[in-house]
Protein backbone atom coordinates (compact mmCIF):
# COMPACT_ATOMS: atom_id res chain seq x y z
CA UNK A 1 0.00 0.00 0.00
CA UNK A 2 0.97 3.65 0.05
CA UNK A 3 0.17 5.21 3.42
CA UNK A 4 2.56 8.14 3.66
CA UNK A 5 4.37 10.33 1.12
CA UNK A 6 5.87 13.77 0.67
CA UNK A 7 5.79 16.72 -1.72
CA UNK A 8 8.26 19.50 -1.07
CA UNK A 9 9.23 20.72 -4.55
CA UNK A 10 8.73 24.37 -5.41
CA UNK A 11 5.56 25.08 -7.37
CA UNK A 12 7.53 26.26 -10.40
CA UNK A 13 9.24 22.84 -10.52
CA UNK A 14 5.89 21.02 -10.34
CA UNK A 15 4.34 23.17 -13.06
CA UNK A 16 7.26 22.50 -15.40
CA UNK A 17 7.43 18.77 -14.66
CA UNK A 18 3.74 18.18 -15.40
CA UNK A 19 3.32 20.76 -18.19
CA UNK A 20 0.78 22.82 -16.27
CA UNK A 21 0.45 26.57 -16.80
CA UNK A 22 -0.58 27.61 -13.31
CA UNK A 23 -2.06 26.60 -9.97
CA UNK A 24 -4.85 28.68 -8.52
CA UNK A 25 -4.79 27.12 -5.05
CA UNK A 26 -2.79 27.87 -1.93
CA UNK A 27 0.17 25.50 -2.10
CA UNK A 28 2.07 24.40 0.99
CA UNK A 29 4.48 21.50 0.58
CA UNK A 30 4.74 18.78 3.20
CA UNK A 31 7.39 16.20 4.07
CA UNK A 32 4.89 13.97 5.85
CA UNK A 33 1.54 13.62 4.10
CA UNK A 34 -0.89 11.26 5.84
CA UNK A 35 -4.40 10.15 4.84
CA UNK A 36 -7.14 12.82 5.00
CA UNK A 37 -4.58 15.58 4.30
CA UNK A 38 -4.73 17.92 1.33
CA UNK A 39 -2.69 16.73 -1.65
CA UNK A 40 -1.98 18.11 -5.12
CA UNK A 41 -3.30 16.33 -8.20
CA UNK A 42 -3.09 16.84 -11.97
CA UNK A 43 -6.20 16.38 -14.07
CA UNK A 44 -6.92 17.07 -17.73
CA UNK A 45 -10.26 18.29 -19.05
CA UNK A 46 -8.82 19.40 -22.37
CA UNK A 47 -6.12 21.32 -20.54
CA UNK A 48 -4.01 20.23 -17.60
CA UNK A 49 -4.88 21.65 -14.19
CA UNK A 50 -3.39 21.36 -10.73
CA UNK A 51 -5.84 21.28 -7.86
CA UNK A 52 -5.96 20.39 -4.20
CA UNK A 53 -7.78 17.27 -3.12
CA UNK A 54 -8.32 15.34 0.10
CA UNK A 55 -6.50 12.01 0.28
CA UNK A 56 -9.15 9.35 0.86
CA UNK A 57 -11.63 8.61 -1.92
CA UNK A 58 -15.33 9.13 -1.26
CA UNK A 59 -17.80 7.72 -3.79
CA UNK A 60 -20.99 9.68 -4.31
CA UNK A 61 -22.95 7.33 -2.02
CA UNK A 62 -20.63 7.72 0.98
CA UNK A 63 -22.53 8.96 4.02
CA UNK A 64 -19.64 10.69 5.81
CA UNK A 65 -15.92 11.52 5.31
CA UNK A 66 -14.70 8.72 7.59
CA UNK A 67 -15.14 6.25 4.73
CA UNK A 68 -12.21 7.92 3.00
CA UNK A 69 -9.73 6.35 5.43
CA UNK A 70 -10.61 2.96 3.97
CA UNK A 71 -10.05 4.17 0.40
CA UNK A 72 -6.64 5.83 0.39
CA UNK A 73 -5.50 3.12 -2.03
CA UNK A 74 -7.09 1.17 -4.88
CA UNK A 75 -5.62 -2.06 -6.21
CA UNK A 76 -4.62 -2.03 -9.89
CA UNK A 77 -5.93 -5.57 -10.31
CA UNK A 78 -9.52 -4.64 -9.37
CA UNK A 79 -9.82 -0.86 -9.77
CA UNK A 80 -11.65 -1.03 -13.11
CA UNK A 81 -14.35 -3.32 -11.70
CA UNK A 82 -14.79 -2.37 -8.06
CA UNK A 83 -18.09 -0.43 -7.66
CA UNK A 84 -16.52 2.35 -5.58
CA UNK A 85 -13.90 3.14 -8.25
CA UNK A 86 -15.41 1.89 -11.52
CA UNK A 87 -16.94 5.17 -12.70
CA UNK A 88 -13.93 7.27 -11.70
CA UNK A 89 -11.64 4.88 -13.56
CA UNK A 90 -13.54 5.68 -16.72
CA UNK A 91 -13.33 9.49 -16.66
CA UNK A 92 -11.82 10.82 -13.42
CA UNK A 93 -8.23 9.67 -13.56
CA UNK A 94 -5.49 11.91 -12.23
CA UNK A 95 -1.86 12.07 -11.16
CA UNK A 96 -1.06 12.52 -7.49
CA UNK A 97 2.07 14.67 -7.30
CA UNK A 98 4.83 13.44 -4.97
CA UNK A 99 8.56 13.73 -4.44
CA UNK A 100 8.82 10.44 -2.61
CA UNK A 101 7.05 8.02 -0.31
CA UNK A 102 7.75 5.95 2.79
CA UNK A 103 7.82 2.30 3.72
CA UNK A 104 9.13 0.53 6.83
CA UNK A 105 11.89 -2.09 7.05
CA UNK A 106 11.68 -4.71 9.79
CA UNK A 107 14.83 -5.09 11.89
CA UNK A 108 14.08 -7.50 14.69
CA UNK A 109 11.30 -5.89 16.69
CA UNK A 110 11.94 -2.48 15.15
CA UNK A 111 10.43 -0.92 12.04
CA UNK A 112 12.83 1.49 10.40
CA UNK A 113 11.30 4.10 8.05
CA UNK A 114 12.65 4.14 4.50
CA UNK A 115 12.30 6.95 1.98
CA UNK A 116 11.85 6.06 -1.71
CA UNK A 117 12.25 8.47 -4.62
CA UNK A 118 13.28 8.64 -8.26
CA UNK A 119 17.02 8.72 -8.88
CA UNK A 120 16.44 11.89 -10.88
CA UNK A 121 14.89 13.42 -7.72
CA UNK A 122 12.19 14.96 -9.90
CA UNK A 123 8.53 14.97 -8.85
CA UNK A 124 6.60 11.83 -9.80
CA UNK A 125 2.96 11.25 -10.61
CA UNK A 126 1.15 8.40 -8.86
CA UNK A 127 -1.80 6.99 -10.78
CA UNK A 128 -4.89 8.25 -8.99
CA UNK A 129 -8.65 8.61 -9.19
CA UNK A 130 -10.63 11.57 -7.91
CA UNK A 131 -14.26 12.31 -7.18
CA UNK A 132 -16.13 15.40 -6.04
CA UNK A 133 -18.13 14.25 -3.04
CA UNK A 134 -21.09 16.32 -1.84
CA UNK A 135 -21.56 16.28 1.93
CA UNK A 136 -25.03 16.13 3.54
CA UNK A 137 -24.90 19.90 4.06
CA UNK A 138 -24.05 20.55 0.42
CA UNK A 139 -20.28 21.11 0.67
CA UNK A 140 -18.33 19.90 -2.39
CA UNK A 141 -15.09 18.10 -1.52
CA UNK A 142 -12.50 16.80 -3.99
CA UNK A 143 -11.36 13.36 -2.79
CA UNK A 144 -8.71 11.05 -4.21
CA UNK A 145 -7.14 7.59 -4.04
CA UNK A 146 -3.71 6.29 -5.08
CA UNK A 147 -3.57 3.13 -7.19
CA UNK A 148 -1.11 0.45 -6.08
CA UNK A 149 0.43 -2.54 -7.83
CA UNK A 150 2.91 -5.32 -7.09
CA UNK A 151 6.22 -4.06 -5.71
CA UNK A 152 9.28 -4.03 -7.94
CA UNK A 153 12.51 -5.80 -6.95
CA UNK A 154 13.79 -2.77 -5.05
CA UNK A 155 10.72 -2.48 -2.82
CA UNK A 156 9.73 -6.13 -2.50
CA UNK A 157 11.87 -6.68 0.63
CA UNK A 158 9.90 -3.88 2.32
CA UNK A 159 6.35 -4.47 1.13
CA UNK A 160 4.50 -6.46 -1.51
CA UNK A 161 2.75 -3.34 -2.89
CA UNK A 162 3.86 0.04 -4.22
CA UNK A 163 2.13 3.06 -5.74
CA UNK A 164 1.78 3.03 -9.51
CA UNK A 165 4.10 5.70 -10.93
CA UNK A 166 3.06 6.86 -14.40
CA UNK A 167 6.09 7.56 -16.58
CA UNK A 168 6.23 10.91 -18.37
CA UNK A 169 5.61 9.36 -21.78
CA UNK A 170 2.41 7.66 -20.55
CA UNK A 171 0.86 10.61 -18.69
CA UNK A 172 -1.17 11.90 -21.64
CA UNK A 173 -2.86 8.53 -22.11
CA UNK A 174 -3.63 8.13 -18.41
CA UNK A 175 -5.11 11.62 -18.11
CA UNK A 176 -7.12 11.56 -21.35
CA UNK A 177 -10.74 11.35 -20.22
CA UNK A 178 -11.81 10.30 -23.72
CA UNK A 179 -9.88 7.05 -23.35
CA UNK A 180 -12.06 4.54 -21.53
CA UNK A 181 -10.77 1.29 -23.01
CA UNK A 182 -9.45 -0.91 -20.18
CA UNK A 183 -7.12 -2.65 -22.61
CA UNK A 184 -5.25 0.65 -23.04
CA UNK A 185 -5.34 1.74 -19.42
CA UNK A 186 -4.68 -1.37 -17.33
CA UNK A 187 -1.22 -1.99 -18.90
CA UNK A 188 -0.14 1.39 -17.50
CA UNK A 189 -0.69 0.15 -13.94
CA UNK A 190 2.58 -1.72 -13.52
CA UNK A 191 5.51 -1.36 -11.14
CA UNK A 192 8.07 1.33 -11.97
CA UNK A 193 11.57 0.09 -12.97
CA UNK A 194 13.80 -0.53 -9.96
CA UNK A 195 16.84 0.85 -11.75
CA UNK A 196 15.24 4.31 -11.88
CA UNK A 197 14.53 4.47 -8.16
CA UNK A 198 16.52 4.66 -4.93
CA UNK A 199 15.79 4.28 -1.23
CA UNK A 200 17.46 4.93 2.10
CA UNK A 201 16.64 4.80 5.80
CA UNK A 202 15.41 7.98 7.48
CA UNK A 203 14.55 9.26 10.94
CA UNK A 204 11.77 7.74 13.02
CA UNK A 205 10.39 11.30 13.27
CA UNK A 206 8.30 10.46 10.22
CA UNK A 207 6.32 8.03 12.38
CA UNK A 208 4.57 11.03 13.90
CA UNK A 209 1.96 12.12 11.33
CA UNK A 210 1.98 15.68 12.62
CA UNK A 211 5.77 16.09 12.38
CA UNK A 212 6.50 18.00 9.18
CA UNK A 213 10.11 18.99 8.57
CA UNK A 214 12.89 18.36 6.05
CA UNK A 215 14.56 16.35 8.85
CA UNK A 216 12.35 13.39 8.02
CA UNK A 217 13.96 12.77 4.62
CA UNK A 218 17.58 13.20 5.74
CA UNK A 219 19.53 10.04 4.96
CA UNK A 220 20.03 7.94 8.06
CA UNK A 221 18.01 10.39 10.10
CA UNK A 222 21.07 12.52 10.67
C-alpha atoms as a PDB file:
ATOM      1  CA  UNK A   1       0.000   0.000   0.000  1.00  0.00           C
ATOM      2  CA  UNK A   2       0.974   3.653   0.054  1.00  0.00           C
ATOM      3  CA  UNK A   3       0.167   5.210   3.417  1.00  0.00           C
ATOM      4  CA  UNK A   4       2.561   8.143   3.661  1.00  0.00           C
ATOM      5  CA  UNK A   5       4.375  10.329   1.122  1.00  0.00           C
ATOM      6  CA  UNK A   6       5.875  13.771   0.669  1.00  0.00           C
ATOM      7  CA  UNK A   7       5.792  16.721  -1.716  1.00  0.00           C
ATOM      8  CA  UNK A   8       8.263  19.496  -1.069  1.00  0.00           C
ATOM      9  CA  UNK A   9       9.227  20.721  -4.553  1.00  0.00           C
ATOM     10  CA  UNK A  10       8.734  24.369  -5.414  1.00  0.00           C
ATOM     11  CA  UNK A  11       5.563  25.079  -7.367  1.00  0.00           C
ATOM     12  CA  UNK A  12       7.534  26.260 -10.404  1.00  0.00           C
ATOM     13  CA  UNK A  13       9.238  22.842 -10.524  1.00  0.00           C
ATOM     14  CA  UNK A  14       5.895  21.020 -10.342  1.00  0.00           C
ATOM     15  CA  UNK A  15       4.338  23.174 -13.064  1.00  0.00           C
ATOM     16  CA  UNK A  16       7.258  22.496 -15.401  1.00  0.00           C
ATOM     17  CA  UNK A  17       7.433  18.771 -14.665  1.00  0.00           C
ATOM     18  CA  UNK A  18       3.742  18.185 -15.403  1.00  0.00           C
ATOM     19  CA  UNK A  19       3.318  20.755 -18.190  1.00  0.00           C
ATOM     20  CA  UNK A  20       0.780  22.822 -16.272  1.00  0.00           C
ATOM     21  CA  UNK A  21       0.452  26.571 -16.798  1.00  0.00           C
ATOM     22  CA  UNK A  22      -0.584  27.611 -13.306  1.00  0.00           C
ATOM     23  CA  UNK A  23      -2.061  26.596  -9.967  1.00  0.00           C
ATOM     24  CA  UNK A  24      -4.852  28.681  -8.516  1.00  0.00           C
ATOM     25  CA  UNK A  25      -4.795  27.120  -5.053  1.00  0.00           C
ATOM     26  CA  UNK A  26      -2.793  27.872  -1.927  1.00  0.00           C
ATOM     27  CA  UNK A  27       0.173  25.502  -2.098  1.00  0.00           C
ATOM     28  CA  UNK A  28       2.066  24.400   0.986  1.00  0.00           C
ATOM     29  CA  UNK A  29       4.482  21.499   0.581  1.00  0.00           C
ATOM     30  CA  UNK A  30       4.743  18.777   3.199  1.00  0.00           C
ATOM     31  CA  UNK A  31       7.389  16.198   4.067  1.00  0.00           C
ATOM     32  CA  UNK A  32       4.893  13.973   5.847  1.00  0.00           C
ATOM     33  CA  UNK A  33       1.543  13.619   4.102  1.00  0.00           C
ATOM     34  CA  UNK A  34      -0.891  11.264   5.838  1.00  0.00           C
ATOM     35  CA  UNK A  35      -4.404  10.153   4.838  1.00  0.00           C
ATOM     36  CA  UNK A  36      -7.141  12.825   4.998  1.00  0.00           C
ATOM     37  CA  UNK A  37      -4.584  15.584   4.297  1.00  0.00           C
ATOM     38  CA  UNK A  38      -4.729  17.924   1.331  1.00  0.00           C
ATOM     39  CA  UNK A  39      -2.694  16.728  -1.646  1.00  0.00           C
ATOM     40  CA  UNK A  40      -1.983  18.111  -5.120  1.00  0.00           C
ATOM     41  CA  UNK A  41      -3.300  16.331  -8.204  1.00  0.00           C
ATOM     42  CA  UNK A  42      -3.087  16.842 -11.967  1.00  0.00           C
ATOM     43  CA  UNK A  43      -6.199  16.384 -14.071  1.00  0.00           C
ATOM     44  CA  UNK A  44      -6.921  17.069 -17.731  1.00  0.00           C
ATOM     45  CA  UNK A  45     -10.262  18.288 -19.046  1.00  0.00           C
ATOM     46  CA  UNK A  46      -8.825  19.401 -22.367  1.00  0.00           C
ATOM     47  CA  UNK A  47      -6.118  21.322 -20.539  1.00  0.00           C
ATOM     48  CA  UNK A  48      -4.010  20.234 -17.604  1.00  0.00           C
ATOM     49  CA  UNK A  49      -4.880  21.646 -14.194  1.00  0.00           C
ATOM     50  CA  UNK A  50      -3.394  21.355 -10.727  1.00  0.00           C
ATOM     51  CA  UNK A  51      -5.836  21.282  -7.856  1.00  0.00           C
ATOM     52  CA  UNK A  52      -5.962  20.394  -4.204  1.00  0.00           C
ATOM     53  CA  UNK A  53      -7.781  17.273  -3.123  1.00  0.00           C
ATOM     54  CA  UNK A  54      -8.317  15.343   0.103  1.00  0.00           C
ATOM     55  CA  UNK A  55      -6.500  12.015   0.275  1.00  0.00           C
ATOM     56  CA  UNK A  56      -9.147   9.352   0.860  1.00  0.00           C
ATOM     57  CA  UNK A  57     -11.631   8.608  -1.920  1.00  0.00           C
ATOM     58  CA  UNK A  58     -15.329   9.126  -1.264  1.00  0.00           C
ATOM     59  CA  UNK A  59     -17.803   7.715  -3.794  1.00  0.00           C
ATOM     60  CA  UNK A  60     -20.995   9.680  -4.312  1.00  0.00           C
ATOM     61  CA  UNK A  61     -22.947   7.326  -2.025  1.00  0.00           C
ATOM     62  CA  UNK A  62     -20.626   7.723   0.976  1.00  0.00           C
ATOM     63  CA  UNK A  63     -22.528   8.964   4.017  1.00  0.00           C
ATOM     64  CA  UNK A  64     -19.641  10.692   5.809  1.00  0.00           C
ATOM     65  CA  UNK A  65     -15.921  11.522   5.307  1.00  0.00           C
ATOM     66  CA  UNK A  66     -14.698   8.721   7.586  1.00  0.00           C
ATOM     67  CA  UNK A  67     -15.141   6.253   4.733  1.00  0.00           C
ATOM     68  CA  UNK A  68     -12.213   7.920   2.999  1.00  0.00           C
ATOM     69  CA  UNK A  69      -9.728   6.354   5.431  1.00  0.00           C
ATOM     70  CA  UNK A  70     -10.612   2.959   3.966  1.00  0.00           C
ATOM     71  CA  UNK A  71     -10.051   4.166   0.405  1.00  0.00           C
ATOM     72  CA  UNK A  72      -6.645   5.835   0.390  1.00  0.00           C
ATOM     73  CA  UNK A  73      -5.504   3.123  -2.035  1.00  0.00           C
ATOM     74  CA  UNK A  74      -7.091   1.169  -4.884  1.00  0.00           C
ATOM     75  CA  UNK A  75      -5.624  -2.064  -6.214  1.00  0.00           C
ATOM     76  CA  UNK A  76      -4.621  -2.029  -9.892  1.00  0.00           C
ATOM     77  CA  UNK A  77      -5.928  -5.569 -10.310  1.00  0.00           C
ATOM     78  CA  UNK A  78      -9.516  -4.641  -9.371  1.00  0.00           C
ATOM     79  CA  UNK A  79      -9.821  -0.861  -9.770  1.00  0.00           C
ATOM     80  CA  UNK A  80     -11.651  -1.029 -13.108  1.00  0.00           C
ATOM     81  CA  UNK A  81     -14.348  -3.318 -11.704  1.00  0.00           C
ATOM     82  CA  UNK A  82     -14.790  -2.373  -8.059  1.00  0.00           C
ATOM     83  CA  UNK A  83     -18.088  -0.434  -7.662  1.00  0.00           C
ATOM     84  CA  UNK A  84     -16.522   2.352  -5.582  1.00  0.00           C
ATOM     85  CA  UNK A  85     -13.905   3.143  -8.253  1.00  0.00           C
ATOM     86  CA  UNK A  86     -15.412   1.889 -11.522  1.00  0.00           C
ATOM     87  CA  UNK A  87     -16.936   5.171 -12.702  1.00  0.00           C
ATOM     88  CA  UNK A  88     -13.926   7.271 -11.699  1.00  0.00           C
ATOM     89  CA  UNK A  89     -11.637   4.876 -13.559  1.00  0.00           C
ATOM     90  CA  UNK A  90     -13.543   5.684 -16.715  1.00  0.00           C
ATOM     91  CA  UNK A  91     -13.328   9.487 -16.658  1.00  0.00           C
ATOM     92  CA  UNK A  92     -11.822  10.821 -13.421  1.00  0.00           C
ATOM     93  CA  UNK A  93      -8.228   9.671 -13.562  1.00  0.00           C
ATOM     94  CA  UNK A  94      -5.489  11.915 -12.234  1.00  0.00           C
ATOM     95  CA  UNK A  95      -1.864  12.072 -11.160  1.00  0.00           C
ATOM     96  CA  UNK A  96      -1.057  12.518  -7.487  1.00  0.00           C
ATOM     97  CA  UNK A  97       2.069  14.670  -7.304  1.00  0.00           C
ATOM     98  CA  UNK A  98       4.828  13.436  -4.966  1.00  0.00           C
ATOM     99  CA  UNK A  99       8.561  13.734  -4.439  1.00  0.00           C
ATOM    100  CA  UNK A 100       8.825  10.437  -2.609  1.00  0.00           C
ATOM    101  CA  UNK A 101       7.050   8.017  -0.314  1.00  0.00           C
ATOM    102  CA  UNK A 102       7.750   5.947   2.788  1.00  0.00           C
ATOM    103  CA  UNK A 103       7.819   2.298   3.724  1.00  0.00           C
ATOM    104  CA  UNK A 104       9.129   0.531   6.831  1.00  0.00           C
ATOM    105  CA  UNK A 105      11.894  -2.091   7.055  1.00  0.00           C
ATOM    106  CA  UNK A 106      11.676  -4.710   9.793  1.00  0.00           C
ATOM    107  CA  UNK A 107      14.832  -5.094  11.895  1.00  0.00           C
ATOM    108  CA  UNK A 108      14.079  -7.501  14.695  1.00  0.00           C
ATOM    109  CA  UNK A 109      11.296  -5.892  16.694  1.00  0.00           C
ATOM    110  CA  UNK A 110      11.941  -2.484  15.154  1.00  0.00           C
ATOM    111  CA  UNK A 111      10.426  -0.918  12.043  1.00  0.00           C
ATOM    112  CA  UNK A 112      12.831   1.491  10.398  1.00  0.00           C
ATOM    113  CA  UNK A 113      11.303   4.096   8.053  1.00  0.00           C
ATOM    114  CA  UNK A 114      12.654   4.135   4.503  1.00  0.00           C
ATOM    115  CA  UNK A 115      12.304   6.948   1.980  1.00  0.00           C
ATOM    116  CA  UNK A 116      11.846   6.058  -1.707  1.00  0.00           C
ATOM    117  CA  UNK A 117      12.246   8.471  -4.618  1.00  0.00           C
ATOM    118  CA  UNK A 118      13.276   8.635  -8.258  1.00  0.00           C
ATOM    119  CA  UNK A 119      17.016   8.718  -8.880  1.00  0.00           C
ATOM    120  CA  UNK A 120      16.440  11.889 -10.876  1.00  0.00           C
ATOM    121  CA  UNK A 121      14.894  13.423  -7.716  1.00  0.00           C
ATOM    122  CA  UNK A 122      12.191  14.955  -9.900  1.00  0.00           C
ATOM    123  CA  UNK A 123       8.525  14.966  -8.851  1.00  0.00           C
ATOM    124  CA  UNK A 124       6.600  11.834  -9.798  1.00  0.00           C
ATOM    125  CA  UNK A 125       2.957  11.251 -10.611  1.00  0.00           C
ATOM    126  CA  UNK A 126       1.147   8.403  -8.860  1.00  0.00           C
ATOM    127  CA  UNK A 127      -1.803   6.988 -10.778  1.00  0.00           C
ATOM    128  CA  UNK A 128      -4.892   8.247  -8.992  1.00  0.00           C
ATOM    129  CA  UNK A 129      -8.649   8.607  -9.190  1.00  0.00           C
ATOM    130  CA  UNK A 130     -10.634  11.566  -7.913  1.00  0.00           C
ATOM    131  CA  UNK A 131     -14.264  12.313  -7.182  1.00  0.00           C
ATOM    132  CA  UNK A 132     -16.129  15.401  -6.039  1.00  0.00           C
ATOM    133  CA  UNK A 133     -18.130  14.254  -3.037  1.00  0.00           C
ATOM    134  CA  UNK A 134     -21.086  16.322  -1.838  1.00  0.00           C
ATOM    135  CA  UNK A 135     -21.558  16.281   1.935  1.00  0.00           C
ATOM    136  CA  UNK A 136     -25.033  16.125   3.539  1.00  0.00           C
ATOM    137  CA  UNK A 137     -24.899  19.899   4.062  1.00  0.00           C
ATOM    138  CA  UNK A 138     -24.048  20.549   0.415  1.00  0.00           C
ATOM    139  CA  UNK A 139     -20.280  21.105   0.669  1.00  0.00           C
ATOM    140  CA  UNK A 140     -18.329  19.904  -2.389  1.00  0.00           C
ATOM    141  CA  UNK A 141     -15.092  18.104  -1.523  1.00  0.00           C
ATOM    142  CA  UNK A 142     -12.497  16.798  -3.990  1.00  0.00           C
ATOM    143  CA  UNK A 143     -11.356  13.360  -2.789  1.00  0.00           C
ATOM    144  CA  UNK A 144      -8.711  11.054  -4.207  1.00  0.00           C
ATOM    145  CA  UNK A 145      -7.140   7.590  -4.036  1.00  0.00           C
ATOM    146  CA  UNK A 146      -3.708   6.285  -5.081  1.00  0.00           C
ATOM    147  CA  UNK A 147      -3.575   3.126  -7.189  1.00  0.00           C
ATOM    148  CA  UNK A 148      -1.113   0.446  -6.078  1.00  0.00           C
ATOM    149  CA  UNK A 149       0.426  -2.537  -7.825  1.00  0.00           C
ATOM    150  CA  UNK A 150       2.914  -5.322  -7.086  1.00  0.00           C
ATOM    151  CA  UNK A 151       6.216  -4.059  -5.713  1.00  0.00           C
ATOM    152  CA  UNK A 152       9.278  -4.034  -7.935  1.00  0.00           C
ATOM    153  CA  UNK A 153      12.505  -5.804  -6.953  1.00  0.00           C
ATOM    154  CA  UNK A 154      13.786  -2.772  -5.051  1.00  0.00           C
ATOM    155  CA  UNK A 155      10.724  -2.475  -2.817  1.00  0.00           C
ATOM    156  CA  UNK A 156       9.727  -6.125  -2.505  1.00  0.00           C
ATOM    157  CA  UNK A 157      11.870  -6.684   0.633  1.00  0.00           C
ATOM    158  CA  UNK A 158       9.904  -3.883   2.321  1.00  0.00           C
ATOM    159  CA  UNK A 159       6.354  -4.468   1.135  1.00  0.00           C
ATOM    160  CA  UNK A 160       4.504  -6.455  -1.512  1.00  0.00           C
ATOM    161  CA  UNK A 161       2.754  -3.342  -2.893  1.00  0.00           C
ATOM    162  CA  UNK A 162       3.857   0.041  -4.219  1.00  0.00           C
ATOM    163  CA  UNK A 163       2.126   3.062  -5.738  1.00  0.00           C
ATOM    164  CA  UNK A 164       1.785   3.035  -9.514  1.00  0.00           C
ATOM    165  CA  UNK A 165       4.100   5.702 -10.931  1.00  0.00           C
ATOM    166  CA  UNK A 166       3.059   6.855 -14.396  1.00  0.00           C
ATOM    167  CA  UNK A 167       6.094   7.564 -16.580  1.00  0.00           C
ATOM    168  CA  UNK A 168       6.227  10.914 -18.369  1.00  0.00           C
ATOM    169  CA  UNK A 169       5.606   9.359 -21.783  1.00  0.00           C
ATOM    170  CA  UNK A 170       2.409   7.664 -20.552  1.00  0.00           C
ATOM    171  CA  UNK A 171       0.860  10.615 -18.688  1.00  0.00           C
ATOM    172  CA  UNK A 172      -1.169  11.900 -21.640  1.00  0.00           C
ATOM    173  CA  UNK A 173      -2.861   8.526 -22.111  1.00  0.00           C
ATOM    174  CA  UNK A 174      -3.632   8.132 -18.410  1.00  0.00           C
ATOM    175  CA  UNK A 175      -5.110  11.620 -18.112  1.00  0.00           C
ATOM    176  CA  UNK A 176      -7.123  11.563 -21.347  1.00  0.00           C
ATOM    177  CA  UNK A 177     -10.739  11.346 -20.216  1.00  0.00           C
ATOM    178  CA  UNK A 178     -11.808  10.300 -23.720  1.00  0.00           C
ATOM    179  CA  UNK A 179      -9.881   7.048 -23.352  1.00  0.00           C
ATOM    180  CA  UNK A 180     -12.063   4.535 -21.528  1.00  0.00           C
ATOM    181  CA  UNK A 181     -10.774   1.289 -23.014  1.00  0.00           C
ATOM    182  CA  UNK A 182      -9.449  -0.913 -20.178  1.00  0.00           C
ATOM    183  CA  UNK A 183      -7.123  -2.646 -22.607  1.00  0.00           C
ATOM    184  CA  UNK A 184      -5.252   0.649 -23.045  1.00  0.00           C
ATOM    185  CA  UNK A 185      -5.340   1.741 -19.425  1.00  0.00           C
ATOM    186  CA  UNK A 186      -4.679  -1.371 -17.332  1.00  0.00           C
ATOM    187  CA  UNK A 187      -1.218  -1.992 -18.904  1.00  0.00           C
ATOM    188  CA  UNK A 188      -0.141   1.390 -17.496  1.00  0.00           C
ATOM    189  CA  UNK A 189      -0.687   0.151 -13.938  1.00  0.00           C
ATOM    190  CA  UNK A 190       2.577  -1.722 -13.517  1.00  0.00           C
ATOM    191  CA  UNK A 191       5.507  -1.361 -11.143  1.00  0.00           C
ATOM    192  CA  UNK A 192       8.066   1.326 -11.967  1.00  0.00           C
ATOM    193  CA  UNK A 193      11.566   0.090 -12.972  1.00  0.00           C
ATOM    194  CA  UNK A 194      13.799  -0.532  -9.959  1.00  0.00           C
ATOM    195  CA  UNK A 195      16.845   0.850 -11.749  1.00  0.00           C
ATOM    196  CA  UNK A 196      15.241   4.307 -11.884  1.00  0.00           C
ATOM    197  CA  UNK A 197      14.531   4.466  -8.157  1.00  0.00           C
ATOM    198  CA  UNK A 198      16.519   4.660  -4.928  1.00  0.00           C
ATOM    199  CA  UNK A 199      15.788   4.278  -1.232  1.00  0.00           C
ATOM    200  CA  UNK A 200      17.461   4.925   2.103  1.00  0.00           C
ATOM    201  CA  UNK A 201      16.641   4.804   5.800  1.00  0.00           C
ATOM    202  CA  UNK A 202      15.413   7.982   7.483  1.00  0.00           C
ATOM    203  CA  UNK A 203      14.551   9.259  10.943  1.00  0.00           C
ATOM    204  CA  UNK A 204      11.765   7.740  13.023  1.00  0.00           C
ATOM    205  CA  UNK A 205      10.394  11.297  13.270  1.00  0.00           C
ATOM    206  CA  UNK A 206       8.298  10.463  10.223  1.00  0.00           C
ATOM    207  CA  UNK A 207       6.322   8.028  12.383  1.00  0.00           C
ATOM    208  CA  UNK A 208       4.575  11.033  13.901  1.00  0.00           C
ATOM    209  CA  UNK A 209       1.962  12.116  11.335  1.00  0.00           C
ATOM    210  CA  UNK A 210       1.982  15.681  12.623  1.00  0.00           C
ATOM    211  CA  UNK A 211       5.767  16.089  12.381  1.00  0.00           C
ATOM    212  CA  UNK A 212       6.499  17.997   9.184  1.00  0.00           C
ATOM    213  CA  UNK A 213      10.108  18.991   8.566  1.00  0.00           C
ATOM    214  CA  UNK A 214      12.891  18.356   6.054  1.00  0.00           C
ATOM    215  CA  UNK A 215      14.555  16.354   8.845  1.00  0.00           C
ATOM    216  CA  UNK A 216      12.350  13.387   8.023  1.00  0.00           C
ATOM    217  CA  UNK A 217      13.961  12.775   4.625  1.00  0.00           C
ATOM    218  CA  UNK A 218      17.576  13.200   5.741  1.00  0.00           C
ATOM    219  CA  UNK A 219      19.534  10.041   4.957  1.00  0.00           C
ATOM    220  CA  UNK A 220      20.032   7.943   8.057  1.00  0.00           C
ATOM    221  CA  UNK A 221      18.012  10.395  10.105  1.00  0.00           C
ATOM    222  CA  UNK A 222      21.066  12.522  10.673  1.00  0.00           C
END
